[in-house]
Amino acid sequence: MIQRIQTIYLFLASVALALMMYFPIYQFDKISNGTEYTRVKIMINGTYEKAEAALEYTNINFQMPQFLMSVCIGLALLVCIFLYKNRKQQLRIARILIILEFSLMLFIFAMIAKEIKALEISNIEYGIGAFLPSLAILLTALAARAIRKDETLVRSADRLR
């Protein structure tokens, strides 16, 4: 049955990781030459800068590992939805994905810490993208819990036969 609550949780976790492509994780102003400010936003796919006079952001540093890891975890969450016939395998994969999502979050914040450490910055703002990995972890954990409940329900029904 694909119409279970864990399907919704896994799908929403995948959507949360996909939204990281569009929302910044972190934004700040970089001070250069003492008086000039450059607006910088860090996203899952790289670092973007916008000078004071510029109209749009330009990508200055493409982050392929974080981008690929996010896409692979998102696709694995979608694949996990269709493993509903084998709940043990679905639960095992969901638990592995929780660990991978947590490592993605640590990887992202380590990259941000390295980026910020080297710069003189001001006007720091967290973006929506900073909270999306933790939302994905929460939703995947809720899905794993629902899968485990289904498995215990099926086992108890088998004992009654």
Foldseek 3Di string as FASTA:
>chain_A
DLPDPLNVLLLVLLVLLVCLQPKFQKWWWFDDPNPWTWIWTATQQAIWIHGPPGDDTDGDGGDVVLVVLSNVLSVLSNVLSVVLVDLVVSLVSLVVSLVSLVVSLVVVVVVVVVVVVVTDTDDMDGMPSNCSSVSSSVSSVVSSVRSVVVVVVVVVVVVVD
